[in-house]
PDB file of N, CA and C in Angstrom:
ATOM      1  N   ALA A   1     -33.068-141.636-174.361  1.00  0.00           N
ATOM      2  CA  ALA A   1     -34.516-141.928-174.166  1.00  0.00           C
ATOM      3  C   ALA A   1     -34.744-140.625-173.651  1.00  0.00           C
ATOM      4  N   MET A   2     -33.889-139.571-172.641  1.00  0.00           N
ATOM      5  CA  MET A   2     -33.998-138.889-172.221  1.00  0.00           C
ATOM      6  C   MET A   2     -34.392-137.524-173.008  1.00  0.00           C
ATOM      7  N   LEU A   3     -33.494-137.079-173.955  1.00  0.00           N
ATOM      8  CA  LEU A   3     -33.524-136.412-174.929  1.00  0.00           C
ATOM      9  C   LEU A   3     -35.085-136.545-175.788  1.00  0.00           C
ATOM     10  N   GLN A   4     -35.158-137.678-176.449  1.00  0.00           N
ATOM     11  CA  GLN A   4     -36.647-137.799-177.245  1.00  0.00           C
ATOM     12  C   GLN A   4     -37.403-137.969-176.261  1.00  0.00           C
ATOM     13  N   ALA A   5     -37.807-137.911-174.714  1.00  0.00           N
ATOM     14  CA  ALA A   5     -38.500-137.723-173.937  1.00  0.00           C
ATOM     15  C   ALA A   5     -38.949-136.638-173.531  1.00  0.00           C
ATOM     16  N   ALA A   6     -37.588-135.372-173.517  1.00  0.00           N
ATOM     17  CA  ALA A   6     -37.816-133.968-173.431  1.00  0.00           C
ATOM     18  C   ALA A   6     -38.528-133.559-174.967  1.00  0.00           C
ATOM     19  N   SER A   7     -38.414-134.125-175.982  1.00  0.00           N
ATOM     20  CA  SER A   7     -38.861-133.467-177.178  1.00  0.00           C
ATOM     21  C   SER A   7     -40.194-133.733-177.242  1.00  0.00           C
ATOM     22  N   ARG A   8     -40.249-135.493-177.269  1.00  0.00           N
ATOM     23  CA  ARG A   8     -41.673-135.858-177.172  1.00  0.00           C
ATOM     24  C   ARG A   8     -42.890-134.831-175.892  1.00  0.00           C
ATOM     25  N   GLU A   9     -42.646-134.851-175.097  1.00  0.00           N
ATOM     26  CA  GLU A   9     -43.375-134.454-174.094  1.00  0.00           C
ATOM     27  C   GLU A   9     -43.493-133.048-173.525  1.00  0.00           C
ATOM     28  N   LEU A  10     -42.102-132.326-173.596  1.00  0.00           N
ATOM     29  CA  LEU A  10     -42.233-130.759-173.534  1.00  0.00           C
ATOM     30  C   LEU A  10     -42.170-129.773-174.465  1.00  0.00           C
ATOM     31  N   GLY A  11     -41.318-130.452-175.741  1.00  0.00           N
ATOM     32  CA  GLY A  11     -40.836-129.586-176.728  1.00  0.00           C
ATOM     33  C   GLY A  11     -39.603-128.957-176.519  1.00  0.00           C
ATOM     34  N   LEU A  12     -38.623-129.782-175.608  1.00  0.00           N
ATOM     35  CA  LEU A  12     -37.338-129.223-175.420  1.00  0.00           C
ATOM     36  C   LEU A  12     -36.605-130.059-176.882  1.00  0.00           C
ATOM     37  N   GLY A  13     -35.408-128.599-177.170  1.00  0.00           N
ATOM     38  CA  GLY A  13     -34.686-129.434-177.876  1.00  0.00           C
ATOM     39  C   GLY A  13     -33.631-130.208-177.105  1.00  0.00           C
ATOM     40  N   PRO A  14     -33.194-130.602-177.997  1.00  0.00           N
ATOM     41  CA  PRO A  14     -31.544-131.569-177.200  1.00  0.00           C
ATOM     42  C   PRO A  14     -30.542-130.275-176.381  1.00  0.00           C
ATOM     43  N   GLN A  15     -30.202-129.514-176.676  1.00  0.00           N
ATOM     44  CA  GLN A  15     -29.149-128.543-176.209  1.00  0.00           C
ATOM     45  C   GLN A  15     -29.851-127.847-175.136  1.00  0.00           C
ATOM     46  N   ARG A  16     -31.188-127.530-174.955  1.00  0.00           N
ATOM     47  CA  ARG A  16     -31.966-127.081-174.180  1.00  0.00           C
ATOM     48  C   ARG A  16     -31.998-127.974-172.601  1.00  0.00           C
ATOM     49  N   CYS A  17     -32.260-129.236-173.715  1.00  0.00           N
ATOM     50  CA  CYS A  17     -32.927-130.535-172.271  1.00  0.00           C
ATOM     51  C   CYS A  17     -31.656-130.665-171.200  1.00  0.00           C
ATOM     52  N   MET A  18     -30.326-130.242-172.420  1.00  0.00           N
ATOM     53  CA  MET A  18     -28.940-130.832-171.678  1.00  0.00           C
ATOM     54  C   MET A  18     -28.890-129.689-170.644  1.00  0.00           C
ATOM     55  N   GLN A  19     -28.915-128.212-170.995  1.00  0.00           N
ATOM     56  CA  GLN A  19     -29.010-127.396-170.279  1.00  0.00           C
ATOM     57  C   GLN A  19     -29.937-127.555-168.580  1.00  0.00           C
ATOM     58  N   VAL A  20     -30.835-127.993-169.297  1.00  0.00           N
ATOM     59  CA  VAL A  20     -31.885-128.333-167.844  1.00  0.00           C
ATOM     60  C   VAL A  20     -31.597-129.212-166.563  1.00  0.00           C
ATOM     61  N   ALA A  21     -30.848-130.253-167.556  1.00  0.00           N
ATOM     62  CA  ALA A  21     -30.567-131.113-166.627  1.00  0.00           C
ATOM     63  C   ALA A  21     -28.793-131.444-165.890  1.00  0.00           C
ATOM     64  N   GLU A  22     -28.162-130.311-166.504  1.00  0.00           N
ATOM     65  CA  GLU A  22     -27.148-129.881-166.073  1.00  0.00           C
ATOM     66  C   GLU A  22     -27.722-128.871-164.873  1.00  0.00           C
ATOM     67  N   ARG A  23     -28.468-128.018-165.079  1.00  0.00           N
ATOM     68  CA  ARG A  23     -28.248-127.425-163.616  1.00  0.00           C
ATOM     69  C   ARG A  23     -29.626-128.063-162.564  1.00  0.00           C
ATOM     70  N   LEU A  24     -30.077-129.308-162.854  1.00  0.00           N
ATOM     71  CA  LEU A  24     -30.600-129.773-161.875  1.00  0.00           C
ATOM     72  C   LEU A  24     -29.541-130.548-161.501  1.00  0.00           C
ATOM     73  N   TYR A  25     -28.324-131.552-162.267  1.00  0.00           N
ATOM     74  CA  TYR A  25     -27.414-131.970-161.446  1.00  0.00           C
ATOM     75  C   TYR A  25     -26.646-131.122-160.695  1.00  0.00           C
ATOM     76  N   LEU A  26     -26.313-130.154-160.839  1.00  0.00           N
ATOM     77  CA  LEU A  26     -25.763-128.941-159.714  1.00  0.00           C
ATOM     78  C   LEU A  26     -26.049-128.468-158.833  1.00  0.00           C
ATOM     79  N   ALA A  27     -27.756-128.671-158.737  1.00  0.00           N
ATOM     80  CA  ALA A  27     -28.205-128.134-157.823  1.00  0.00           C
ATOM     81  C   ALA A  27     -28.873-129.446-156.724  1.00  0.00           C
ATOM     82  N   GLY A  28     -27.974-130.637-156.972  1.00  0.00           N
ATOM     83  CA  GLY A  28     -28.227-131.663-156.442  1.00  0.00           C
ATOM     84  C   GLY A  28     -29.792-132.462-156.261  1.00  0.00           C
ATOM     85  N   LEU A  29     -30.060-132.379-157.390  1.00  0.00           N
ATOM     86  CA  LEU A  29     -31.688-132.608-157.862  1.00  0.00           C
ATOM     87  C   LEU A  29     -31.736-133.932-158.845  1.00  0.00           C
ATOM     88  N   LEU A  30     -30.756-134.133-159.442  1.00  0.00           N
ATOM     89  CA  LEU A  30     -30.678-135.195-160.158  1.00  0.00           C
ATOM     90  C   LEU A  30     -29.039-135.759-160.773  1.00  0.00           C
ATOM     91  N   THR A  31     -29.041-137.143-160.736  1.00  0.00           N
ATOM     92  CA  THR A  31     -27.741-137.473-161.132  1.00  0.00           C
ATOM     93  C   THR A  31     -27.284-137.551-162.328  1.00  0.00           C
ATOM     94  N   TYR A  32     -26.197-137.897-162.323  1.00  0.00           N
ATOM     95  CA  TYR A  32     -25.666-137.403-163.715  1.00  0.00           C
ATOM     96  C   TYR A  32     -26.294-137.789-164.642  1.00  0.00           C
ATOM     97  N   PRO A  33     -26.220-136.703-165.553  1.00  0.00           N
ATOM     98  CA  PRO A  33     -27.654-136.482-166.752  1.00  0.00           C
ATOM     99  C   PRO A  33     -27.630-137.030-167.968  1.00  0.00           C
ATOM    100  N   ARG A  34     -26.206-137.702-167.694  1.00  0.00           N
ATOM    101  CA  ARG A  34     -26.112-138.669-169.076  1.00  0.00           C
ATOM    102  C   ARG A  34     -25.902-140.290-168.747  1.00  0.00           C
ATOM    103  N   THR A  35     -26.441-140.868-167.676  1.00  0.00           N
ATOM    104  CA  THR A  35     -26.365-141.787-166.863  1.00  0.00           C
ATOM    105  C   THR A  35     -27.088-143.170-167.849  1.00  0.00           C
ATOM    106  N   GLU A  36     -26.701-144.307-168.116  1.00  0.00           N
ATOM    107  CA  GLU A  36     -26.948-145.066-168.299  1.00  0.00           C
ATOM    108  C   GLU A  36     -27.565-146.376-167.205  1.00  0.00           C
ATOM    109  N   THR A  37     -27.640-146.272-166.410  1.00  0.00           N
ATOM    110  CA  THR A  37     -27.830-146.888-165.485  1.00  0.00           C
ATOM    111  C   THR A  37     -29.379-146.596-164.857  1.00  0.00           C
ATOM    112  N   THR A  38     -30.514-148.220-164.739  1.00  0.00           N
ATOM    113  CA  THR A  38     -31.874-147.813-164.581  1.00  0.00           C
ATOM    114  C   THR A  38     -32.462-148.658-163.531  1.00  0.00           C
ATOM    115  N   HIS A  39     -31.269-149.055-162.660  1.00  0.00           N
ATOM    116  CA  HIS A  39     -31.258-149.640-160.792  1.00  0.00           C
ATOM    117  C   HIS A  39     -31.100-148.677-159.808  1.00  0.00           C
ATOM    118  N   TYR A  40     -32.093-148.354-159.232  1.00  0.00           N
ATOM    119  CA  TYR A  40     -32.521-147.599-157.957  1.00  0.00           C
ATOM    120  C   TYR A  40     -32.524-148.277-156.900  1.00  0.00           C
ATOM    121  N   PRO A  41     -32.000-147.631-155.592  1.00  0.00           N
ATOM    122  CA  PRO A  41     -32.043-148.910-154.009  1.00  0.00           C
ATOM    123  C   PRO A  41     -33.882-148.498-154.013  1.00  0.00           C
ATOM    124  N   ALA A  42     -34.006-149.666-153.434  1.00  0.00           N
ATOM    125  CA  ALA A  42     -35.142-150.266-152.657  1.00  0.00           C
ATOM    126  C   ALA A  42     -36.067-148.580-151.686  1.00  0.00           C
ATOM    127  N   SER A  43     -34.854-147.825-151.405  1.00  0.00           N
ATOM    128  CA  SER A  43     -35.464-147.019-150.258  1.00  0.00           C
ATOM    129  C   SER A  43     -35.451-145.570-151.089  1.00  0.00           C
ATOM    130  N   LEU A  44     -35.389-145.302-152.159  1.00  0.00           N
ATOM    131  CA  LEU A  44     -35.969-144.681-153.382  1.00  0.00           C
ATOM    132  C   LEU A  44     -37.193-143.813-152.658  1.00  0.00           C
ATOM    133  N   PRO A  45     -37.879-143.094-152.538  1.00  0.00           N
ATOM    134  CA  PRO A  45     -38.931-142.753-152.166  1.00  0.00           C
ATOM    135  C   PRO A  45     -40.036-142.705-153.500  1.00  0.00           C
ATOM    136  N   LEU A  46     -40.379-143.249-154.144  1.00  0.00           N
ATOM    137  CA  LEU A  46     -41.078-143.133-155.250  1.00  0.00           C
ATOM    138  C   LEU A  46     -42.239-142.350-155.439  1.00  0.00           C
ATOM    139  N   ALA A  47     -43.311-143.224-154.292  1.00  0.00           N
ATOM    140  CA  ALA A  47     -44.469-142.328-153.749  1.00  0.00           C
ATOM    141  C   ALA A  47     -44.502-140.450-153.897  1.00  0.00           C
ATOM    142  N   GLY A  48     -43.467-140.695-153.029  1.00  0.00           N
ATOM    143  CA  GLY A  48     -43.113-139.053-152.337  1.00  0.00           C
ATOM    144  C   GLY A  48     -42.360-138.424-154.045  1.00  0.00           C
ATOM    145  N   MET A  49     -41.917-139.054-154.390  1.00  0.00           N
ATOM    146  CA  MET A  49     -41.620-138.125-155.570  1.00  0.00           C
ATOM    147  C   MET A  49     -42.514-137.947-157.009  1.00  0.00           C
ATOM    148  N   VAL A  50     -43.464-139.127-156.774  1.00  0.00           N
ATOM    149  CA  VAL A  50     -44.810-138.870-158.074  1.00  0.00           C
ATOM    150  C   VAL A  50     -45.783-138.257-157.163  1.00  0.00           C
ATOM    151  N   TRP A  51     -45.720-138.054-155.838  1.00  0.00           N
ATOM    152  CA  TRP A  51     -46.680-136.841-155.510  1.00  0.00           C
ATOM    153  C   TRP A  51     -46.150-135.765-155.238  1.00  0.00           C
ATOM    154  N   GLU A  52     -45.044-135.277-155.633  1.00  0.00           N
ATOM    155  CA  GLU A  52     -43.979-133.962-156.057  1.00  0.00           C
ATOM    156  C   GLU A  52     -45.128-133.953-157.245  1.00  0.00           C
ATOM    157  N   HIS A  53     -45.095-134.092-158.483  1.00  0.00           N
ATOM    158  CA  HIS A  53     -45.117-133.927-159.527  1.00  0.00           C
ATOM    159  C   HIS A  53     -47.241-134.097-159.637  1.00  0.00           C
ATOM    160  N   SER A  54     -47.757-134.133-159.253  1.00  0.00           N
ATOM    161  CA  SER A  54     -48.968-133.885-159.020  1.00  0.00           C
ATOM    162  C   SER A  54     -50.339-133.341-159.014  1.00  0.00           C
ATOM    163  N   TRP A  55     -49.090-132.236-159.096  1.00  0.00           N
ATOM    164  CA  TRP A  55     -49.786-130.617-159.229  1.00  0.00           C
ATOM    165  C   TRP A  55     -49.584-130.210-160.829  1.00  0.00           C
ATOM    166  N   HIS A  56     -48.489-130.815-161.180  1.00  0.00           N
ATOM    167  CA  HIS A  56     -48.360-130.579-162.812  1.00  0.00           C
ATOM    168  C   HIS A  56     -49.383-130.270-163.877  1.00  0.00           C
ATOM    169  N   THR A  57     -49.451-129.074-164.189  1.00  0.00           N
ATOM    170  CA  THR A  57     -50.601-129.014-165.564  1.00  0.00           C
ATOM    171  C   THR A  57     -50.525-130.218-166.432  1.00  0.00           C
ATOM    172  N   LYS A  58     -49.707-130.779-166.817  1.00  0.00           N
ATOM    173  CA  LYS A  58     -49.289-131.372-167.956  1.00  0.00           C
ATOM    174  C   LYS A  58     -49.593-133.119-167.719  1.00  0.00           C
ATOM    175  N   TRP A  59     -48.671-133.433-166.535  1.00  0.00           N
ATOM    176  CA  TRP A  59     -48.985-134.932-166.043  1.00  0.00           C
ATOM    177  C   TRP A  59     -49.079-134.757-164.836  1.00  0.00           C
ATOM    178  N   GLY A  60     -49.628-133.917-164.091  1.00  0.00           N
ATOM    179  CA  GLY A  60     -50.259-134.071-162.819  1.00  0.00           C
ATOM    180  C   GLY A  60     -51.335-135.072-162.765  1.00  0.00           C
ATOM    181  N   HIS A  61     -52.335-135.127-163.738  1.00  0.00           N
ATOM    182  CA  HIS A  61     -53.444-136.100-163.435  1.00  0.00           C
ATOM    183  C   HIS A  61     -52.665-137.649-163.569  1.00  0.00           C
ATOM    184  N   TRP A  62     -51.744-138.275-164.379  1.00  0.00           N
ATOM    185  CA  TRP A  62     -51.447-139.145-164.493  1.00  0.00           C
ATOM    186  C   TRP A  62     -50.449-139.649-163.323  1.00  0.00           C
ATOM    187  N   CYS A  63     -49.993-138.848-162.344  1.00  0.00           N
ATOM    188  CA  CYS A  63     -49.518-138.902-161.494  1.00  0.00           C
ATOM    189  C   CYS A  63     -50.326-138.913-160.322  1.00  0.00           C
ATOM    190  N   ARG A  64     -51.398-138.348-160.249  1.00  0.00           N
ATOM    191  CA  ARG A  64     -52.369-138.920-159.757  1.00  0.00           C
ATOM    192  C   ARG A  64     -52.975-140.370-159.507  1.00  0.00           C
ATOM    193  N   GLN A  65     -53.127-140.341-160.535  1.00  0.00           N
ATOM    194  CA  GLN A  65     -53.858-141.966-161.117  1.00  0.00           C
ATOM    195  C   GLN A  65     -52.790-142.709-160.800  1.00  0.00           C
ATOM    196  N   LEU A  66     -51.709-142.681-160.891  1.00  0.00           N
ATOM    197  CA  LEU A  66     -50.590-143.640-160.473  1.00  0.00           C
ATOM    198  C   LEU A  66     -50.721-144.050-158.940  1.00  0.00           C
ATOM    199  N   LEU A  67     -50.746-142.782-158.075  1.00  0.00           N
ATOM    200  CA  LEU A  67     -50.913-142.638-156.732  1.00  0.00           C
ATOM    201  C   LEU A  67     -52.472-143.440-156.032  1.00  0.00           C
ATOM    202  N   HIS A  68     -53.474-143.183-156.925  1.00  0.00           N
ATOM    203  CA  HIS A  68     -54.371-143.907-156.664  1.00  0.00           C
ATOM    204  C   HIS A  68     -54.826-145.399-157.131  1.00  0.00           C
ATOM    205  N   SER A  69     -54.461-145.719-157.750  1.00  0.00           N
ATOM    206  CA  SER A  69     -54.060-146.957-158.256  1.00  0.00           C
ATOM    207  C   SER A  69     -53.264-148.047-157.657  1.00  0.00           C
ATOM    208  N   GLY A  70     -52.151-147.041-157.138  1.00  0.00           N
ATOM    209  CA  GLY A  70     -50.639-147.983-155.991  1.00  0.00           C
ATOM    210  C   GLY A  70     -49.491-147.960-157.032  1.00  0.00           C
ATOM    211  N   LEU A  71     -48.278-147.581-156.885  1.00  0.00           N
ATOM    212  CA  LEU A  71     -47.104-147.958-157.402  1.00  0.00           C
ATOM    213  C   LEU A  71     -46.925-149.073-157.193  1.00  0.00           C
ATOM    214  N   LYS A  72     -46.255-149.544-158.585  1.00  0.00           N
ATOM    215  CA  LYS A  72     -45.506-151.038-158.527  1.00  0.00           C
ATOM    216  C   LYS A  72     -44.050-150.705-157.724  1.00  0.00           C
ATOM    217  N   GLN A  73     -43.691-151.731-157.251  1.00  0.00           N
ATOM    218  CA  GLN A  73     -42.320-151.522-157.027  1.00  0.00           C
ATOM    219  C   GLN A  73     -41.236-151.571-158.570  1.00  0.00           C
ATOM    220  N   PRO A  74     -40.516-150.856-159.134  1.00  0.00           N
ATOM    221  CA  PRO A  74     -39.791-150.952-160.145  1.00  0.00           C
ATOM    222  C   PRO A  74     -39.282-152.292-160.446  1.00  0.00           C
ATOM    223  N   LYS A  75     -38.865-152.548-161.722  1.00  0.00           N
ATOM    224  CA  LYS A  75     -38.030-153.495-161.854  1.00  0.00           C
ATOM    225  C   LYS A  75     -36.481-153.731-161.232  1.00  0.00           C
ATOM    226  N   LEU A  76     -35.823-154.183-161.379  1.00  0.00           N
ATOM    227  CA  LEU A  76     -34.358-154.204-160.620  1.00  0.00           C
ATOM    228  C   LEU A  76     -33.352-153.297-161.810  1.00  0.00           C
ATOM    229  N   GLY A  77     -33.783-152.956-162.759  1.00  0.00           N
ATOM    230  CA  GLY A  77     -32.804-152.502-163.651  1.00  0.00           C
ATOM    231  C   GLY A  77     -31.224-152.924-163.973  1.00  0.00           C
ATOM    232  N   GLN A  78     -30.875-151.983-164.526  1.00  0.00           N
ATOM    233  CA  GLN A  78     -29.099-152.645-164.808  1.00  0.00           C
ATOM    234  C   GLN A  78     -28.363-151.481-164.134  1.00  0.00           C
ATOM    235  N   ASP A  79     -27.274-151.581-162.966  1.00  0.00           N
ATOM    236  CA  ASP A  79     -26.011-150.737-162.631  1.00  0.00           C
ATOM    237  C   ASP A  79     -25.046-150.848-163.805  1.00  0.00           C
ATOM    238  N   ARG A  80     -25.343-149.809-164.327  1.00  0.00           N
ATOM    239  CA  ARG A  80     -24.334-149.750-165.475  1.00  0.00           C
ATOM    240  C   ARG A  80     -22.381-149.200-164.936  1.00  0.00           C
ATOM    241  N   GLY A  81     -22.467-148.735-163.905  1.00  0.00           N
ATOM    242  CA  GLY A  81     -21.327-148.134-163.212  1.00  0.00           C
ATOM    243  C   GLY A  81     -21.359-146.801-163.283  1.00  0.00           C
ATOM    244  N   ASP A  82     -21.853-145.799-164.047  1.00  0.00           N
ATOM    245  CA  ASP A  82     -22.393-144.484-164.041  1.00  0.00           C
ATOM    246  C   ASP A  82     -22.709-143.732-163.115  1.00  0.00           C
TER     247      ASP A  82
END
């Protein structure tokens, strides 16, 4: 899913996407880049994370719309142990 989104939204190829993911992981800004887990703790600062992207020229408007309309709690997801 990450590789497809990076290609579709950012125009990144798979190799470049994984390089970026690795750099973010090594900087402590991303969990394991190949994770399949979709379960995140209730303490995740979702609104703050969306707000940090609200300035971005490509998706900032969408982030501001989400913040304005109110964010819903994410579904429980699945913890796949990775």
